[in-house]
Every structure is written in C-alpha cells, then in structure tokens.
Amino acid sequence: MVRFALLAATLLLAAGAAGAAEKPGLSVTIYNADQALVDDVRRLDIPAGRQRLELKDVSAAIRPETVTLTGEGLSIVEQNFDFDLLTPQKMMEKAVGQQVQIVRTNPGNGQETTETATVLSANEGVILKIGDRVEVLRDDGVPTRVIFNGVPLTLRARPTLSVTVDSERAGPRLVDLSYLTTGLAWRADYVALFDETAGRLDLQGWITLTNQSGTPFVDADTQLVAGEVAIADNAPRVRPLGRPMMGVARAGAAMRTQPAPEPPSSPGASVGDVHVYRLPERTTIAQNQTKQVSFLDAHGVAARKLYRWALPDFQSADNPSSAEVAVAFTNSAAGGLGAGLPAGTIRVYERDAGGAPKFVGENPIGHTPQGSELAVKIGEAFDVTVQPTLVSSDVIGKRRNRYAMSYRLRNARPAPVTVELRQGGLQEQNAVVAESLPGRAIDAYTRGWTVTVPAGGETTLTATLETWW
C-alpha cells in the first residue's frame, strides 16, 4: 500500500490554510533550493493596547523580510529579529569597552583572586586592561572565570522574533506566524527488492530530512515540494495568500486573512510543475539532525528486467559493446503504485540462490508524475552485446541523407533476452525506407526497436533511414 498522499497545490497553497486555522500547530514546507516555509499558529493571551510580543523558537536562519504575523484585532507597529544567541564568545564580544570581574583560582591552595578588568578586544582572543597592565586572557591551566554585570538585551538564549503590536482588545487568541528560512533540506531514497522470475518488486521509500536552521521543529506537519521554484536574491520568495507583508500594514490598520481554498482531494492531481508531498504523520526535526521517515511501502509492483542499447549517430564500431541492464516498472495504480515519486536514488537488490538479498545497482530518478514509466539502470550486461555497422551513407538530395545500418545482437545467457535498441542522429524530418523488424519513433530524433535474441544465439537487425533538414 502506498503510504504517502500527493497534494496538488500551488506554492501559495503549500503555505498552509493558515487563514482558516482553528487550533495551534506547526507546519513546515521544505523546498529543493535550501528554502523552507514555516507556518506557526500559536495561542497567546494578549493585553489590550500597544505592547511587545516575544516569539521564541523561530528559525535562527529566518529571512526577516518574509515574516508575516496575523491575529484577530492585531495591527503591527514594528518587528525585530534577535538572532545573536547567548554564548560565552558573544558575551565577551558585547562586553568590549566595559568592565568585568576576572576570578582566578590558585591550583595549589584553592585561594581565589578577583580583579576588575576592562575588555579591550574579543577578536581572535580576549585582551584585557587590568590596572596599568594589558594582558591576554589565556587558557594556561589556571582555573579562571569571568563575571559579567548582566546579560545584554540583544542576546537571547533562543532565536527570538520581537514584534510591537496594537491590540484592539484583551484576551487569548490564535496568532499565525509565517516566514521563509534556510537550513532545511530533504531528499528521497528508495530500496527496491526485485524478483525477476515473478516479474515483481517491492519498493520502499525514505525521506531524509536535515535541519541546520538553528531551531528544532517539534511535532510539525511536514510537506515536501518537488520541483524547481524561482528564488530571487534579496526579495521575498513566497507571499502567502491573503497575508500582507509585514511593514506594509500601518499602526491602527487591522490585518485580516482570507480563508485559503481547499486542496483538490484527488491524489493524482497536480498544478503546473509543482507537487507537494505530505508526510503521513507529524514529525519532529531536531536541530543538527538528519532523520529518515518512511513515506512509501509498496509490494508486488509489476516489473521486468530490460536490456537497452543506444547509438547517438550513424556509425560503425570495431567491437561489440555491452547493453545496459535496467529494471523497468510503471508508477500506476494498475502496476501497484499509483502516485508521483519525488526525485531520489533507487537502489535495487535481488535475492541470490540462498535467498539473501544482494545489491545489484543504483541510479537516480527525477521527479516522476503518476503513470510514468521508469527504467532504473543497474549495470551493464557483459553477456548481451550489440555491434553496429554503417553499411552505406548516401547523399540523395539537397540536405537529405540516407543511411543503411546493420546491428548484430549477441546473447550468451542461458535464456532469451529482449533488447530495446535505439538509433539517434535523425533530424526532425525523417522517413523509414526499410527495416527488418517493426520499429517506432521514440522522439523526433530517435528510432527504436524491440529485438528478441535467443539463448546462446544472435539476431541481426537492419534498417534504412532517411533524414533531412
């Protein structure tokens, strides 16, 4: 059974139906281009009048110009993002020009000595002025600690967004915070166990999530956008539907949201080039964590082994070359899947004579819509080869050529094989003069044939093609 749901939505809809939010919750939409959209609905008890709201646990990699904040009866006056986190180094940097207390402990008798020092510099080390002398604060084995007068207002234990608002009334309400951030990424990986005899494979899919944003995202409804989106430098990437950009609203002007439209319910629907995949369960993505989440578990998918060989132009080869080996299947409901697959790497295994799975090859796939055919290359067949021969090449008219080709296909395997053979080098205008097996047009520039080669034998395919421009 396929365990992921494909949401057909535009990027605006991927932001989440925040305007219609009825309860607190966190939603994270991760794109391919090191961008993620965070939609954080919180319940806050806000007094009436003007005050400052401090919203903690926002991403340390937030793009402040993309922030929106909405809430019933709220208007925005000012926002500040305090991203300097409280660390010993930051404390020392903020203390430059100020006095601190240096406490040293004599390791011999445990006696403490306290001196007042002025911090002159905290750049690649700390330089202090103590009385008439200047010294470098060194880690020389003598226990030393620094006592500060207090914590600077701009340093935060956690990334904090401070917003000054005007509230029309007092009381609890839902507040929706939305912003873009960097530092979140995802990729898809697949494991396929292929049974050539049964013509089936089991396919398991994993989403690998990486969080380097500086903030954990706890119990988040996670969505993944498959497809490239345009990212403009120094400009907001996404402007969510119904939400004015912060800074546009003036004090006293209430910010209102519009309910977002409901997404289409069909799992196979799509809009443009963007697909949004929602993980089946809410998940927590900790800071500096890479985690894998299962999103696909399909069994008995119809599949077959495929041998492929292609020639990019009309030419001969002195020696035969190996055909590619691929595992082919269709992500359709009839084939056992029935949903789009995000880009990733498919690793294929087959069982040996003892029943143990053995790795036989891997290859990447692109974002694959529902109903598409996939052929995952797993290697080259040393015992299935093709040797092309250019029998003749004639100019038969102005910018018109005729090529006669012969392809010798050999199979040293103990069973017959089918080879998908392709000839490139055609122009958009072309014609088939003769062919020993019926072929088909792969595209405007390529002709293809399906050739059966007997066990321990060979087959010769001939074709005469004309092309002009």
Protein backbone atom coordinates (compact mmCIF):
# COMPACT_ATOMS: atom_id res chain seq x y z
CA MET A 1 0.00 0.00 0.00
CA VAL A 2 1.28 3.43 -0.88
CA ARG A 3 1.74 5.43 2.33
CA PHE A 4 2.08 8.99 1.11
CA ALA A 5 -0.51 11.48 -0.11
CA LEU A 6 0.16 13.73 -3.06
CA LEU A 7 -1.30 17.19 -2.56
CA ALA A 8 -2.00 19.10 -5.74
CA ALA A 9 -1.34 22.71 -4.83
CA THR A 10 0.43 25.84 -5.88
CA LEU A 11 3.21 27.33 -3.77
CA LEU A 12 0.67 29.68 -2.23
CA LEU A 13 -1.44 26.77 -1.09
CA ALA A 14 1.65 24.97 0.17
CA ALA A 15 1.97 27.68 2.79
CA GLY A 16 -0.96 26.02 4.58
CA ALA A 17 -4.50 27.14 5.21
CA ALA A 18 -3.34 29.44 7.99
CA GLY A 19 -6.14 31.93 7.47
CA ALA A 20 -8.59 29.21 8.43
CA ALA A 21 -6.53 27.87 11.36
CA GLU A 22 -8.68 26.80 14.29
CA LYS A 23 -6.05 25.44 16.67
CA PRO A 24 -2.33 25.85 17.40
CA GLY A 25 0.03 23.85 15.25
CA LEU A 26 3.27 23.92 13.29
CA SER A 27 3.59 23.31 9.56
CA VAL A 28 6.87 23.15 7.64
CA THR A 29 7.04 23.10 3.83
CA ILE A 30 10.54 22.27 2.54
CA TYR A 31 11.63 23.18 -1.00
CA ASN A 32 14.59 21.95 -3.05
CA ALA A 33 16.53 25.23 -3.16
CA ASP A 34 17.54 25.48 0.54
CA GLN A 35 14.27 27.21 1.36
CA ALA A 36 11.51 26.24 3.75
CA LEU A 37 8.21 27.88 4.63
CA VAL A 38 7.30 27.74 8.33
CA ASP A 39 3.70 28.33 9.38
CA ASP A 40 3.42 28.50 13.18
CA VAL A 41 0.00 29.00 14.78
CA ARG A 42 0.20 29.85 18.50
CA ARG A 43 -2.40 30.70 21.13
CA LEU A 44 -1.36 33.85 23.02
CA ASP A 45 -3.02 35.85 25.78
CA ILE A 46 -2.53 39.45 24.61
CA PRO A 47 -3.49 42.54 26.67
CA ALA A 48 -5.24 45.49 25.03
CA GLY A 49 -3.18 48.38 23.68
CA ARG A 50 0.38 48.62 22.45
CA GLN A 51 2.91 46.06 23.67
CA ARG A 52 5.84 43.94 22.59
CA LEU A 53 5.39 40.25 21.81
CA GLU A 54 8.42 37.99 22.01
CA LEU A 55 8.04 34.92 19.83
CA LYS A 56 10.71 32.37 20.73
CA ASP A 57 11.83 29.24 18.91
CA VAL A 58 11.82 30.77 15.45
CA SER A 59 14.48 29.64 13.00
CA ALA A 60 17.91 31.16 13.51
CA ALA A 61 18.19 31.27 9.70
CA ILE A 62 14.90 33.16 9.28
CA ARG A 63 14.57 35.60 6.40
CA PRO A 64 13.08 38.55 8.31
CA GLU A 65 11.76 40.33 5.22
CA THR A 66 9.41 37.39 4.56
CA VAL A 67 7.76 37.38 8.00
CA THR A 68 4.01 37.78 8.36
CA LEU A 69 2.08 37.86 11.63
CA THR A 70 -1.69 37.84 11.77
CA GLY A 71 -4.21 37.69 14.57
CA GLU A 72 -7.71 38.89 15.33
CA GLY A 73 -7.71 42.56 16.33
CA LEU A 74 -3.94 42.98 15.91
CA SER A 75 -2.00 45.53 13.90
CA ILE A 76 1.77 45.58 13.54
CA VAL A 77 3.91 48.56 14.56
CA GLU A 78 7.46 47.19 14.43
CA GLN A 79 9.39 43.92 14.30
CA ASN A 80 12.91 42.95 15.35
CA PHE A 81 14.69 39.66 14.92
CA ASP A 82 17.22 38.98 17.67
CA PHE A 83 19.46 36.29 16.25
CA ASP A 84 22.52 36.75 18.49
CA LEU A 85 22.41 33.69 20.70
CA LEU A 86 23.75 33.63 24.23
CA THR A 87 27.24 32.09 24.14
CA PRO A 88 30.46 32.81 26.09
CA GLN A 89 32.04 34.30 22.98
CA LYS A 90 29.05 36.59 22.33
CA MET A 91 29.01 37.68 25.97
CA MET A 92 32.65 38.67 25.73
CA GLU A 93 32.13 40.49 22.41
CA LYS A 94 29.26 42.52 23.90
CA ALA A 95 31.45 43.40 26.91
CA VAL A 96 34.10 45.21 24.83
CA GLY A 97 34.68 48.62 26.44
CA GLN A 98 33.02 47.54 29.68
CA GLN A 99 34.31 46.24 32.98
CA VAL A 100 34.14 42.62 34.11
CA GLN A 101 35.44 40.67 37.07
CA ILE A 102 38.25 38.16 36.48
CA VAL A 103 38.37 35.43 39.12
CA ARG A 104 41.43 33.20 39.22
CA THR A 105 41.87 30.17 41.48
CA ASN A 106 45.30 29.15 42.77
CA PRO A 107 45.53 25.43 41.95
CA GLY A 108 47.90 24.91 44.90
CA ASN A 109 45.79 26.23 47.77
CA GLY A 110 42.41 26.91 46.13
CA GLN A 111 42.53 30.62 47.02
CA GLU A 112 40.56 32.90 44.68
CA THR A 113 41.80 36.29 43.45
CA THR A 114 39.36 38.77 41.90
CA GLU A 115 40.41 41.69 39.70
CA THR A 116 38.43 44.31 37.82
CA ALA A 117 39.29 44.38 34.12
CA THR A 118 38.22 46.37 31.08
CA VAL A 119 37.66 44.29 27.93
CA LEU A 120 39.65 45.94 25.13
CA SER A 121 39.05 43.37 22.38
CA ALA A 122 37.40 39.97 21.81
CA ASN A 123 38.65 39.34 18.29
CA GLU A 124 40.51 36.01 17.96
CA GLY A 125 41.13 36.09 21.68
CA VAL A 126 40.35 38.38 24.63
CA ILE A 127 42.58 41.36 25.53
CA LEU A 128 42.08 42.89 28.99
CA LYS A 129 43.31 46.04 30.73
CA ILE A 130 43.83 45.36 34.42
CA GLY A 131 45.13 48.40 36.30
CA ASP A 132 48.25 49.57 34.48
CA ARG A 133 48.85 46.37 32.55
CA VAL A 134 47.35 44.86 29.40
CA GLU A 135 47.16 41.09 29.10
CA VAL A 136 45.63 38.36 27.00
CA LEU A 137 43.11 36.11 28.70
CA ARG A 138 44.69 32.72 28.12
CA ASP A 139 43.81 29.14 28.89
CA ASP A 140 47.09 28.34 30.64
CA GLY A 141 45.83 25.79 33.11
CA VAL A 142 44.97 28.27 35.86
CA PRO A 143 41.23 28.00 36.67
CA THR A 144 39.71 31.31 35.56
CA ARG A 145 36.16 32.56 35.21
CA VAL A 146 34.66 35.87 34.08
CA ILE A 147 31.81 37.57 35.92
CA PHE A 148 29.64 39.93 33.87
CA ASN A 149 27.35 42.66 35.18
CA GLY A 150 24.37 41.23 33.30
CA VAL A 151 23.13 39.72 30.04
CA PRO A 152 22.92 42.21 27.11
CA LEU A 153 19.36 42.80 25.93
CA THR A 154 20.22 41.76 22.36
CA LEU A 155 21.46 38.30 23.36
CA ARG A 156 18.89 35.54 23.54
CA ALA A 157 19.02 32.01 24.81
CA ARG A 158 16.93 31.06 21.76
CA PRO A 159 16.27 32.84 18.45
CA THR A 160 13.50 35.36 19.16
CA LEU A 161 11.27 37.50 16.97
CA SER A 162 10.13 40.63 18.80
CA VAL A 163 7.01 42.32 17.43
CA THR A 164 5.39 45.52 18.68
CA VAL A 165 1.64 45.35 18.13
CA ASP A 166 -1.53 47.29 18.83
CA SER A 167 -4.30 45.07 20.17
CA GLU A 168 -7.93 46.20 19.92
CA ARG A 169 -8.96 44.01 22.84
CA ALA A 170 -7.54 41.89 25.63
CA GLY A 171 -7.74 38.12 25.75
CA PRO A 172 -6.42 34.87 24.29
CA ARG A 173 -6.46 34.30 20.54
CA LEU A 174 -4.69 32.44 17.76
CA VAL A 175 -1.72 34.23 16.22
CA ASP A 176 -0.29 32.96 12.93
CA LEU A 177 3.44 33.45 12.30
CA SER A 178 4.73 32.61 8.83
CA TYR A 179 8.21 33.06 7.35
CA LEU A 180 10.82 31.63 4.99
CA THR A 181 14.06 30.17 6.27
CA THR A 182 17.17 28.44 5.01
CA GLY A 183 18.83 25.47 6.68
CA LEU A 184 16.18 22.80 6.00
CA ALA A 185 16.61 20.22 3.25
CA TRP A 186 15.16 16.92 2.09
CA ARG A 187 15.89 14.13 -0.32
CA ALA A 188 14.22 10.85 -1.26
CA ASP A 189 15.81 7.40 -1.31
CA TYR A 190 14.28 4.13 -2.46
CA VAL A 191 15.06 0.47 -1.85
CA ALA A 192 13.71 -1.99 -4.44
CA LEU A 193 13.77 -5.76 -3.98
CA PHE A 194 13.37 -7.20 -7.49
CA ASP A 195 12.14 -10.71 -8.29
CA GLU A 196 12.91 -11.32 -11.97
CA THR A 197 11.17 -14.69 -12.08
CA ALA A 198 7.91 -13.37 -10.63
CA GLY A 199 8.14 -10.08 -12.53
CA ARG A 200 7.54 -8.11 -9.32
CA LEU A 201 9.34 -5.77 -6.99
CA ASP A 202 8.80 -4.39 -3.50
CA LEU A 203 9.56 -0.68 -3.25
CA GLN A 204 10.21 1.18 -0.02
CA GLY A 205 10.73 4.95 0.06
CA TRP A 206 12.51 7.07 2.67
CA ILE A 207 12.59 10.80 3.08
CA THR A 208 15.81 12.10 4.63
CA LEU A 209 15.30 15.40 6.45
CA THR A 210 18.22 17.60 7.51
CA ASN A 211 17.87 20.54 9.89
CA GLN A 212 20.68 23.10 10.20
CA SER A 213 18.41 26.09 10.77
CA GLY A 214 19.43 26.58 14.40
CA THR A 215 16.00 25.63 15.77
CA PRO A 216 14.12 22.36 16.34
CA PHE A 217 10.70 21.93 14.73
CA VAL A 218 8.60 19.84 17.09
CA ASP A 219 5.57 17.78 16.02
CA ALA A 220 5.39 19.51 12.63
CA ASP A 221 3.04 18.76 9.77
CA THR A 222 5.78 18.35 7.15
CA GLN A 223 5.31 18.87 3.43
CA LEU A 224 7.91 18.50 0.67
CA VAL A 225 7.82 20.44 -2.59
CA ALA A 226 9.06 18.54 -5.65
CA GLY A 227 10.02 20.87 -8.47
CA GLU A 228 12.21 23.88 -9.02
CA VAL A 229 11.00 27.27 -7.80
CA ALA A 230 12.49 30.64 -8.74
CA ILE A 231 14.40 32.27 -5.89
CA ALA A 232 15.12 35.99 -6.27
CA ASP A 233 18.05 37.45 -4.36
CA ASN A 234 17.18 39.97 -1.64
CA ALA A 235 13.45 39.54 -2.21
CA PRO A 236 10.67 37.54 -0.53
CA ARG A 237 10.37 34.08 -2.10
CA VAL A 238 6.72 33.48 -1.29
CA ARG A 239 3.89 35.84 -0.47
CA PRO A 240 1.22 33.73 1.19
CA LEU A 241 -2.35 34.16 0.02
CA GLY A 242 -4.36 36.75 1.91
CA ARG A 243 -1.49 37.99 4.10
CA PRO A 244 0.07 41.43 3.58
CA MET A 245 3.82 41.61 4.03
CA MET A 246 4.89 42.88 7.42
CA GLY A 247 5.88 46.51 7.12
CA VAL A 248 3.07 47.20 4.67
CA ALA A 249 0.47 47.32 7.43
CA ARG A 250 0.36 50.56 9.44
CA ALA A 251 -0.38 51.02 13.11
CA GLY A 252 -4.14 51.06 13.60
CA ALA A 253 -4.81 49.12 10.39
CA ALA A 254 -6.12 45.67 11.30
CA MET A 255 -4.54 42.78 9.38
CA ARG A 256 -7.10 40.25 8.19
CA THR A 257 -6.66 36.93 6.46
CA GLN A 258 -8.75 35.20 3.84
CA PRO A 259 -9.56 31.51 4.13
CA ALA A 260 -7.31 29.51 1.84
CA PRO A 261 -9.08 27.33 -0.74
CA GLU A 262 -9.37 23.64 -0.07
CA PRO A 263 -6.80 21.50 -1.91
CA PRO A 264 -8.08 19.06 -4.53
CA SER A 265 -8.79 15.70 -2.99
CA SER A 266 -7.56 13.60 -5.91
CA PRO A 267 -4.15 12.09 -5.09
CA GLY A 268 -3.19 12.24 -8.75
CA ALA A 269 -3.95 15.90 -9.38
CA SER A 270 -1.22 18.49 -9.89
CA VAL A 271 -0.85 22.15 -10.67
CA GLY A 272 1.86 23.28 -13.07
CA ASP A 273 5.29 21.79 -12.34
CA VAL A 274 4.94 21.61 -8.56
CA HIS A 275 3.90 18.65 -6.44
CA VAL A 276 3.61 18.83 -2.67
CA TYR A 277 4.08 15.60 -0.70
CA ARG A 278 2.75 15.46 2.84
CA LEU A 279 4.38 13.00 5.21
CA PRO A 280 1.78 10.59 6.63
CA GLU A 281 2.45 11.58 10.26
CA ARG A 282 3.61 14.68 12.10
CA THR A 283 7.31 14.57 12.87
CA THR A 284 9.95 16.34 14.95
CA ILE A 285 13.07 17.62 13.17
CA ALA A 286 15.70 18.39 15.79
CA GLN A 287 18.46 20.95 15.25
CA ASN A 288 21.63 19.49 13.68
CA GLN A 289 19.76 16.27 12.96
CA THR A 290 19.39 14.09 9.92
CA LYS A 291 16.46 11.71 10.18
CA GLN A 292 14.69 9.32 7.87
CA VAL A 293 10.93 8.96 7.61
CA SER A 294 9.22 6.15 5.71
CA PHE A 295 6.78 7.53 3.14
CA LEU A 296 6.27 4.63 0.73
CA ASP A 297 5.78 0.90 1.20
CA ALA A 298 4.55 -0.85 -1.95
CA HIS A 299 4.55 -4.60 -2.56
CA GLY A 300 4.11 -6.66 -5.70
CA VAL A 301 4.72 -3.85 -8.19
CA ALA A 302 4.78 -5.23 -11.75
CA ALA A 303 8.37 -5.03 -13.04
CA ARG A 304 10.67 -6.57 -15.61
CA LYS A 305 14.35 -6.68 -16.46
CA LEU A 306 15.19 -4.63 -19.51
CA TYR A 307 18.27 -4.56 -21.76
CA ARG A 308 18.93 -1.26 -23.51
CA TRP A 309 21.44 -0.17 -26.11
CA ALA A 310 21.62 3.17 -27.92
CA LEU A 311 23.71 4.68 -30.73
CA PRO A 312 23.81 8.50 -30.81
CA ASP A 313 24.78 8.78 -34.51
CA PHE A 314 25.13 6.73 -37.67
CA GLN A 315 28.49 4.95 -37.34
CA SER A 316 30.25 1.59 -37.19
CA ALA A 317 32.04 0.02 -34.23
CA ASP A 318 35.05 -2.28 -34.47
CA ASN A 319 33.97 -4.20 -31.39
CA PRO A 320 30.65 -5.07 -29.78
CA SER A 321 29.57 -3.13 -26.69
CA SER A 322 27.53 -4.27 -23.72
CA ALA A 323 23.86 -3.49 -23.34
CA GLU A 324 22.67 -1.63 -20.26
CA VAL A 325 20.65 -3.59 -17.73
CA ALA A 326 17.64 -1.85 -16.20
CA VAL A 327 14.65 -2.71 -14.06
CA ALA A 328 11.51 -1.24 -15.61
CA PHE A 329 8.17 -0.54 -13.93
CA THR A 330 5.29 1.95 -14.08
CA ASN A 331 4.13 4.04 -11.13
CA SER A 332 0.47 3.50 -11.91
CA ALA A 333 -2.39 2.18 -9.81
CA ALA A 334 -2.62 -0.86 -12.08
CA GLY A 335 1.09 -1.51 -11.57
CA GLY A 336 0.86 -1.31 -7.79
CA LEU A 337 1.91 2.28 -7.09
CA GLY A 338 -0.39 4.98 -8.43
CA ALA A 339 1.25 8.22 -7.25
CA GLY A 340 4.06 10.56 -8.23
CA LEU A 341 7.55 9.84 -6.94
CA PRO A 342 9.86 12.61 -5.73
CA ALA A 343 13.38 12.73 -7.17
CA GLY A 344 15.90 10.49 -5.47
CA THR A 345 18.12 7.44 -5.79
CA ILE A 346 16.72 3.94 -6.28
CA ARG A 347 18.90 1.08 -5.01
CA VAL A 348 17.98 -2.32 -6.43
CA TYR A 349 18.51 -5.70 -4.73
CA GLU A 350 17.92 -9.26 -5.94
CA ARG A 351 17.95 -12.48 -3.93
CA ASP A 352 20.71 -14.99 -4.57
CA ALA A 353 20.28 -18.76 -4.72
CA GLY A 354 20.26 -18.90 -0.94
CA GLY A 355 17.53 -16.28 -0.64
CA ALA A 356 19.75 -13.47 0.68
CA PRO A 357 19.25 -10.05 -0.93
CA LYS A 358 22.26 -8.76 -2.89
CA PHE A 359 22.83 -5.22 -4.11
CA VAL A 360 22.84 -5.14 -7.93
CA GLY A 361 22.92 -1.41 -8.74
CA GLU A 362 21.53 2.06 -8.18
CA ASN A 363 20.57 5.10 -10.22
CA PRO A 364 18.86 8.45 -9.66
CA ILE A 365 15.39 9.29 -10.90
CA GLY A 366 13.86 12.71 -11.44
CA HIS A 367 10.50 13.91 -10.13
CA THR A 368 8.21 11.34 -11.74
CA PRO A 369 4.50 12.03 -12.26
CA GLN A 370 1.86 9.36 -11.76
CA GLY A 371 1.58 6.93 -14.68
CA SER A 372 5.18 7.38 -15.90
CA GLU A 373 7.41 4.51 -16.94
CA LEU A 374 10.73 4.17 -15.15
CA ALA A 375 13.78 2.18 -16.20
CA VAL A 376 16.42 2.14 -13.46
CA LYS A 377 19.85 1.27 -14.83
CA ILE A 378 21.61 -1.23 -12.57
CA GLY A 379 24.66 -2.05 -14.67
CA GLU A 380 25.89 -3.43 -17.99
CA ALA A 381 25.40 -6.94 -19.35
CA PHE A 382 28.76 -8.37 -20.40
CA ASP A 383 26.92 -11.34 -21.97
CA VAL A 384 24.46 -9.25 -24.06
CA THR A 385 26.22 -7.13 -26.70
CA VAL A 386 25.47 -5.12 -29.83
CA GLN A 387 27.82 -4.29 -32.72
CA PRO A 388 26.61 -1.65 -35.20
CA THR A 389 27.75 -1.39 -38.82
CA LEU A 390 27.17 1.55 -41.13
CA VAL A 391 26.54 -0.33 -44.37
CA SER A 392 26.18 2.79 -46.53
CA SER A 393 25.77 6.55 -46.27
CA ASP A 394 24.44 8.40 -49.32
CA VAL A 395 23.53 12.00 -50.10
CA ILE A 396 20.32 11.70 -52.13
CA GLY A 397 19.27 15.31 -52.32
CA LYS A 398 19.88 18.79 -51.04
CA ARG A 399 20.39 18.39 -47.30
CA ARG A 400 18.94 14.85 -47.46
CA ASN A 401 20.86 11.73 -46.43
CA ARG A 402 20.13 8.01 -46.49
CA TYR A 403 21.76 5.62 -44.01
CA ALA A 404 21.73 1.83 -44.13
CA MET A 405 22.53 0.26 -40.75
CA SER A 406 23.06 -3.27 -39.50
CA TYR A 407 23.07 -4.24 -35.82
CA ARG A 408 24.38 -7.61 -34.66
CA LEU A 409 22.94 -8.55 -31.25
CA ARG A 410 24.52 -11.46 -29.33
CA ASN A 411 23.20 -13.20 -26.22
CA ALA A 412 25.45 -15.56 -24.23
CA ARG A 413 22.89 -16.05 -21.47
CA PRO A 414 21.07 -19.38 -20.99
CA ALA A 415 17.69 -17.74 -21.62
CA PRO A 416 16.32 -15.45 -24.37
CA VAL A 417 16.53 -11.70 -23.80
CA THR A 418 14.76 -8.67 -25.23
CA VAL A 419 16.86 -5.64 -26.10
CA GLU A 420 15.45 -2.13 -26.52
CA LEU A 421 17.67 -0.77 -29.30
CA ARG A 422 17.66 2.92 -30.20
CA GLN A 423 19.24 4.82 -33.08
CA GLY A 424 19.75 8.56 -32.70
CA GLY A 425 21.12 11.15 -35.10
CA LEU A 426 17.88 11.81 -37.01
CA GLN A 427 16.59 15.27 -37.84
CA GLU A 428 13.02 16.41 -37.23
CA GLN A 429 12.15 15.36 -40.78
CA ASN A 430 12.89 11.69 -41.44
CA ALA A 431 11.47 8.59 -43.04
CA VAL A 432 11.86 4.81 -42.78
CA VAL A 433 12.82 3.24 -46.10
CA ALA A 434 13.12 -0.32 -44.80
CA GLU A 435 13.53 -2.20 -41.50
CA SER A 436 13.73 -5.90 -40.74
CA LEU A 437 11.61 -5.51 -37.59
CA PRO A 438 8.81 -3.02 -36.97
CA GLY A 439 10.12 -0.01 -35.08
CA ARG A 440 8.68 3.11 -33.51
CA ALA A 441 9.54 6.77 -33.21
CA ILE A 442 10.87 7.43 -29.70
CA ASP A 443 11.00 11.16 -30.45
CA ALA A 444 11.72 13.40 -33.45
CA TYR A 445 15.41 12.40 -33.43
CA THR A 446 15.36 8.73 -32.38
CA ARG A 447 14.07 5.43 -33.83
CA GLY A 448 13.61 2.40 -31.58
CA TRP A 449 13.16 -1.37 -31.95
CA THR A 450 12.35 -4.20 -29.55
CA VAL A 451 14.61 -7.12 -30.52
CA THR A 452 14.40 -10.65 -29.13
CA VAL A 453 17.71 -12.53 -29.03
CA PRO A 454 17.64 -16.31 -28.46
CA ALA A 455 19.57 -18.02 -25.69
CA GLY A 456 23.20 -18.52 -26.69
CA GLY A 457 22.47 -17.01 -30.09
CA GLU A 458 22.29 -13.80 -32.07
CA THR A 459 19.89 -11.64 -34.08
CA THR A 460 20.68 -9.16 -36.84
CA LEU A 461 18.53 -6.08 -37.29
CA THR A 462 18.78 -3.97 -40.44
CA ALA A 463 17.28 -0.57 -41.12
CA THR A 464 17.49 2.07 -43.85
CA LEU A 465 16.57 5.59 -42.74
CA GLU A 466 16.39 8.92 -44.50
CA THR A 467 16.70 12.25 -42.76
CA TRP A 468 16.78 15.84 -43.97
CA TRP A 469 16.72 19.42 -42.75
